[in-house]
PDB file of all heavy atoms in Angstrom:
ATOM      1  N   GLU A   1     141.420  73.067  46.772  1.00  0.00           N
ATOM      2  CA  GLU A   1     140.683  72.644  45.588  1.00  0.00           C
ATOM      3  C   GLU A   1     139.332  72.022  45.927  1.00  0.00           C
ATOM      4  O   GLU A   1     138.358  72.233  45.223  1.00  0.00           O
ATOM      5  CB  GLU A   1     141.505  71.638  44.772  1.00  0.00           C
ATOM      6  CG  GLU A   1     142.714  72.259  44.081  1.00  0.00           C
ATOM      7  CD  GLU A   1     143.318  71.317  43.061  1.00  0.00           C
ATOM      8  OE1 GLU A   1     143.428  70.106  43.354  1.00  0.00           O
ATOM      9  OE2 GLU A   1     143.679  71.790  41.963  1.00  0.00           O
ATOM     10  N   LYS A   2     139.257  71.267  47.002  1.00  0.00           N
ATOM     11  CA  LYS A   2     138.040  70.530  47.327  1.00  0.00           C
ATOM     12  C   LYS A   2     137.060  71.399  48.108  1.00  0.00           C
ATOM     13  O   LYS A   2     137.451  72.159  48.998  1.00  0.00           O
ATOM     14  CB  LYS A   2     138.374  69.276  48.149  1.00  0.00           C
ATOM     15  CG  LYS A   2     139.240  68.262  47.443  1.00  0.00           C
ATOM     16  CD  LYS A   2     139.471  67.059  48.333  1.00  0.00           C
ATOM     17  CE  LYS A   2     140.369  66.024  47.683  1.00  0.00           C
ATOM     18  NZ  LYS A   2     141.743  66.543  47.493  1.00  0.00           N
ATOM     19  N   SER A   3     135.790  71.246  47.784  1.00  0.00           N
ATOM     20  CA  SER A   3     134.731  71.953  48.515  1.00  0.00           C
ATOM     21  C   SER A   3     133.407  71.250  48.285  1.00  0.00           C
ATOM     22  O   SER A   3     133.254  70.469  47.342  1.00  0.00           O
ATOM     23  CB  SER A   3     134.626  73.418  48.059  1.00  0.00           C
ATOM     24  OG  SER A   3     134.204  73.483  46.701  1.00  0.00           O
ATOM     25  N   VAL A   4     132.453  71.534  49.168  1.00  0.00           N
ATOM     26  CA  VAL A   4     131.087  71.052  48.995  1.00  0.00           C
ATOM     27  C   VAL A   4     130.151  72.241  49.195  1.00  0.00           C
ATOM     28  O   VAL A   4     130.475  73.196  49.909  1.00  0.00           O
ATOM     29  CB  VAL A   4     130.728  69.922  49.988  1.00  0.00           C
ATOM     30  CG1 VAL A   4     131.535  68.684  49.700  1.00  0.00           C
ATOM     31  CG2 VAL A   4     130.929  70.378  51.421  1.00  0.00           C
ATOM     32  N   SER A   5     128.997  72.194  48.574  1.00  0.00           N
ATOM     33  CA  SER A   5     128.026  73.280  48.688  1.00  0.00           C
ATOM     34  C   SER A   5     126.639  72.708  48.908  1.00  0.00           C
ATOM     35  O   SER A   5     126.339  71.574  48.520  1.00  0.00           O
ATOM     36  CB  SER A   5     128.033  74.152  47.430  1.00  0.00           C
ATOM     37  OG  SER A   5     127.655  73.396  46.293  1.00  0.00           O
ATOM     38  N   VAL A   6     125.793  73.489  49.538  1.00  0.00           N
ATOM     39  CA  VAL A   6     124.427  73.065  49.819  1.00  0.00           C
ATOM     40  C   VAL A   6     123.486  74.262  49.731  1.00  0.00           C
ATOM     41  O   VAL A   6     123.868  75.393  50.045  1.00  0.00           O
ATOM     42  CB  VAL A   6     124.328  72.397  51.216  1.00  0.00           C
ATOM     43  CG1 VAL A   6     124.699  73.393  52.308  1.00  0.00           C
ATOM     44  CG2 VAL A   6     122.941  71.825  51.463  1.00  0.00           C
ATOM     45  N   GLY A   7     122.286  74.025  49.272  1.00  0.00           N
ATOM     46  CA  GLY A   7     121.280  75.076  49.204  1.00  0.00           C
ATOM     47  C   GLY A   7     119.906  74.448  49.030  1.00  0.00           C
ATOM     48  O   GLY A   7     119.779  73.229  48.909  1.00  0.00           O
ATOM     49  N   PHE A   8     118.874  75.265  49.039  1.00  0.00           N
ATOM     50  CA  PHE A   8     117.542  74.728  48.762  1.00  0.00           C
ATOM     51  C   PHE A   8     116.657  75.809  48.164  1.00  0.00           C
ATOM     52  O   PHE A   8     116.935  77.012  48.264  1.00  0.00           O
ATOM     53  CB  PHE A   8     116.905  74.109  50.009  1.00  0.00           C
ATOM     54  CG  PHE A   8     116.469  75.074  51.076  1.00  0.00           C
ATOM     55  CD1 PHE A   8     115.191  75.609  51.058  1.00  0.00           C
ATOM     56  CD2 PHE A   8     117.321  75.412  52.112  1.00  0.00           C
ATOM     57  CE1 PHE A   8     114.774  76.485  52.054  1.00  0.00           C
ATOM     58  CE2 PHE A   8     116.913  76.279  53.105  1.00  0.00           C
ATOM     59  CZ  PHE A   8     115.640  76.824  53.084  1.00  0.00           C
ATOM     60  N   GLY A   9     115.591  75.347  47.508  1.00  0.00           N
ATOM     61  CA  GLY A   9     114.647  76.255  46.878  1.00  0.00           C
ATOM     62  C   GLY A   9     113.232  75.788  47.083  1.00  0.00           C
ATOM     63  O   GLY A   9     112.979  74.598  47.322  1.00  0.00           O
ATOM     64  N   LEU A  10     112.282  76.721  47.003  1.00  0.00           N
ATOM     65  CA  LEU A  10     110.869  76.364  47.126  1.00  0.00           C
ATOM     66  C   LEU A  10     110.018  77.291  46.281  1.00  0.00           C
ATOM     67  O   LEU A  10     110.366  78.450  46.035  1.00  0.00           O
ATOM     68  CB  LEU A  10     110.412  76.409  48.580  1.00  0.00           C
ATOM     69  CG  LEU A  10     110.368  77.755  49.309  1.00  0.00           C
ATOM     70  CD1 LEU A  10     109.014  78.458  49.122  1.00  0.00           C
ATOM     71  CD2 LEU A  10     110.635  77.573  50.785  1.00  0.00           C
ATOM     72  N   ARG A  11     108.891  76.724  45.837  1.00  0.00           N
ATOM     73  CA  ARG A  11     107.867  77.492  45.135  1.00  0.00           C
ATOM     74  C   ARG A  11     106.523  77.129  45.763  1.00  0.00           C
ATOM     75  O   ARG A  11     106.083  75.976  45.679  1.00  0.00           O
ATOM     76  CB  ARG A  11     107.868  77.187  43.634  1.00  0.00           C
ATOM     77  CG  ARG A  11     109.045  77.793  42.886  1.00  0.00           C
ATOM     78  CD  ARG A  11     109.074  77.355  41.428  1.00  0.00           C
ATOM     79  NE  ARG A  11     107.837  77.682  40.741  1.00  0.00           N
ATOM     80  CZ  ARG A  11     107.540  78.870  40.215  1.00  0.00           C
ATOM     81  NH1 ARG A  11     108.422  79.868  40.310  1.00  0.00           N
ATOM     82  NH2 ARG A  11     106.393  79.070  39.595  1.00  0.00           N
ATOM     83  N   GLU A  12     105.897  78.106  46.385  1.00  0.00           N
ATOM     84  CA  GLU A  12     104.599  77.920  47.049  1.00  0.00           C
ATOM     85  C   GLU A  12     103.583  78.825  46.348  1.00  0.00           C
ATOM     86  O   GLU A  12     103.884  79.993  46.043  1.00  0.00           O
ATOM     87  CB  GLU A  12     104.697  78.293  48.524  1.00  0.00           C
ATOM     88  CG  GLU A  12     103.387  78.234  49.287  1.00  0.00           C
ATOM     89  CD  GLU A  12     102.982  76.834  49.681  1.00  0.00           C
ATOM     90  OE1 GLU A  12     103.851  75.949  49.638  1.00  0.00           O
ATOM     91  OE2 GLU A  12     101.801  76.637  50.047  1.00  0.00           O
ATOM     92  N   SER A  13     102.391  78.299  46.088  1.00  0.00           N
ATOM     93  CA  SER A  13     101.414  79.088  45.346  1.00  0.00           C
ATOM     94  C   SER A  13     100.034  79.054  45.981  1.00  0.00           C
ATOM     95  O   SER A  13      99.669  78.105  46.682  1.00  0.00           O
ATOM     96  CB  SER A  13     101.315  78.588  43.899  1.00  0.00           C
ATOM     97  OG  SER A  13     100.747  77.293  43.862  1.00  0.00           O
ATOM     98  N   TYR A  14      99.287  80.104  45.701  1.00  0.00           N
ATOM     99  CA  TYR A  14      97.855  80.155  45.982  1.00  0.00           C
ATOM    100  C   TYR A  14      97.153  80.273  44.637  1.00  0.00           C
ATOM    101  O   TYR A  14      97.510  81.133  43.816  1.00  0.00           O
ATOM    102  CB  TYR A  14      97.484  81.342  46.854  1.00  0.00           C
ATOM    103  CG  TYR A  14      95.987  81.593  46.852  1.00  0.00           C
ATOM    104  CD1 TYR A  14      95.129  80.818  47.624  1.00  0.00           C
ATOM    105  CD2 TYR A  14      95.441  82.584  46.036  1.00  0.00           C
ATOM    106  CE1 TYR A  14      93.759  81.018  47.591  1.00  0.00           C
ATOM    107  CE2 TYR A  14      94.074  82.802  46.005  1.00  0.00           C
ATOM    108  CZ  TYR A  14      93.237  82.011  46.786  1.00  0.00           C
ATOM    109  OH  TYR A  14      91.878  82.210  46.739  1.00  0.00           O
ATOM    110  N   THR A  15      96.168  79.417  44.394  1.00  0.00           N
ATOM    111  CA  THR A  15      95.476  79.410  43.112  1.00  0.00           C
ATOM    112  C   THR A  15      93.969  79.428  43.314  1.00  0.00           C
ATOM    113  O   THR A  15      93.429  78.674  44.127  1.00  0.00           O
ATOM    114  CB  THR A  15      95.853  78.166  42.277  1.00  0.00           C
ATOM    115  OG1 THR A  15      97.265  78.139  42.083  1.00  0.00           O
ATOM    116  CG2 THR A  15      95.164  78.180  40.928  1.00  0.00           C
ATOM    117  N   SER A  16      93.316  80.284  42.559  1.00  0.00           N
ATOM    118  CA  SER A  16      91.863  80.293  42.473  1.00  0.00           C
ATOM    119  C   SER A  16      91.502  79.934  41.038  1.00  0.00           C
ATOM    120  O   SER A  16      91.833  80.682  40.105  1.00  0.00           O
ATOM    121  CB  SER A  16      91.299  81.662  42.833  1.00  0.00           C
ATOM    122  OG  SER A  16      89.895  81.717  42.604  1.00  0.00           O
ATOM    123  N   ALA A  17      90.867  78.758  40.852  1.00  0.00           N
ATOM    124  CA  ALA A  17      90.604  78.264  39.506  1.00  0.00           C
ATOM    125  C   ALA A  17      89.113  78.071  39.286  1.00  0.00           C
ATOM    126  O   ALA A  17      88.382  77.649  40.188  1.00  0.00           O
ATOM    127  CB  ALA A  17      91.329  76.936  39.267  1.00  0.00           C
ATOM    128  N   GLU A  18      88.667  78.364  38.069  1.00  0.00           N
ATOM    129  CA  GLU A  18      87.276  78.194  37.694  1.00  0.00           C
ATOM    130  C   GLU A  18      86.890  76.719  37.722  1.00  0.00           C
ATOM    131  O   GLU A  18      87.600  75.875  37.159  1.00  0.00           O
ATOM    132  CB  GLU A  18      87.060  78.753  36.292  1.00  0.00           C
ATOM    133  CG  GLU A  18      85.634  78.644  35.778  1.00  0.00           C
ATOM    134  CD  GLU A  18      85.504  79.147  34.358  1.00  0.00           C
ATOM    135  OE1 GLU A  18      86.517  79.147  33.640  1.00  0.00           O
ATOM    136  OE2 GLU A  18      84.398  79.540  33.979  1.00  0.00           O
ATOM    137  N   ASP A  19      85.768  76.395  38.358  1.00  0.00           N
ATOM    138  CA  ASP A  19      85.258  75.026  38.447  1.00  0.00           C
ATOM    139  C   ASP A  19      86.299  74.056  39.002  1.00  0.00           C
ATOM    140  O   ASP A  19      86.294  72.870  38.677  1.00  0.00           O
ATOM    141  CB  ASP A  19      84.788  74.516  37.072  1.00  0.00           C
ATOM    142  CG  ASP A  19      83.626  75.337  36.548  1.00  0.00           C
ATOM    143  OD1 ASP A  19      82.863  75.876  37.371  1.00  0.00           O
ATOM    144  OD2 ASP A  19      83.498  75.456  35.317  1.00  0.00           O
ATOM    145  N   GLY A  20      87.206  74.568  39.846  1.00  0.00           N
ATOM    146  CA  GLY A  20      88.235  73.701  40.404  1.00  0.00           C
ATOM    147  C   GLY A  20      87.866  73.098  41.741  1.00  0.00           C
ATOM    148  O   GLY A  20      88.583  72.239  42.257  1.00  0.00           O
ATOM    149  N   ALA A  21      86.760  73.524  42.312  1.00  0.00           N
ATOM    150  CA  ALA A  21      86.345  72.999  43.611  1.00  0.00           C
ATOM    151  C   ALA A  21      85.753  71.602  43.463  1.00  0.00           C
ATOM    152  O   ALA A  21      85.251  71.237  42.399  1.00  0.00           O
ATOM    153  CB  ALA A  21      85.312  73.930  44.241  1.00  0.00           C
ATOM    154  N   PRO A  22      85.823  70.792  44.513  1.00  0.00           N
ATOM    155  CA  PRO A  22      85.211  69.454  44.468  1.00  0.00           C
ATOM    156  C   PRO A  22      83.727  69.551  44.106  1.00  0.00           C
ATOM    157  O   PRO A  22      82.993  70.364  44.659  1.00  0.00           O
ATOM    158  CB  PRO A  22      85.403  68.927  45.893  1.00  0.00           C
ATOM    159  CG  PRO A  22      86.590  69.668  46.412  1.00  0.00           C
ATOM    160  CD  PRO A  22      86.503  71.043  45.802  1.00  0.00           C
ATOM    161  N   GLY A  23      83.330  68.747  43.128  1.00  0.00           N
ATOM    162  CA  GLY A  23      81.942  68.772  42.694  1.00  0.00           C
ATOM    163  C   GLY A  23      81.675  69.748  41.563  1.00  0.00           C
ATOM    164  O   GLY A  23      80.636  69.701  40.936  1.00  0.00           O
ATOM    165  N   GLY A  24      82.632  70.637  41.283  1.00  0.00           N
ATOM    166  CA  GLY A  24      82.480  71.572  40.192  1.00  0.00           C
ATOM    167  C   GLY A  24      81.509  72.688  40.500  1.00  0.00           C
ATOM    168  O   GLY A  24      80.837  72.713  41.519  1.00  0.00           O
ATOM    169  N   GLY A  25      81.437  73.647  39.564  1.00  0.00           N
ATOM    170  CA  GLY A  25      80.479  74.736  39.688  1.00  0.00           C
ATOM    171  C   GLY A  25      80.945  75.899  40.537  1.00  0.00           C
ATOM    172  O   GLY A  25      80.300  76.927  40.598  1.00  0.00           O
TER     173      GLY A  25
END
């Protein structure tokens, strides 16, 4: 009856955003 389970997940992204750079523009 007894058990234990383990797992893991990840979400990694690359984003290119308008005016998202330091200083803008």
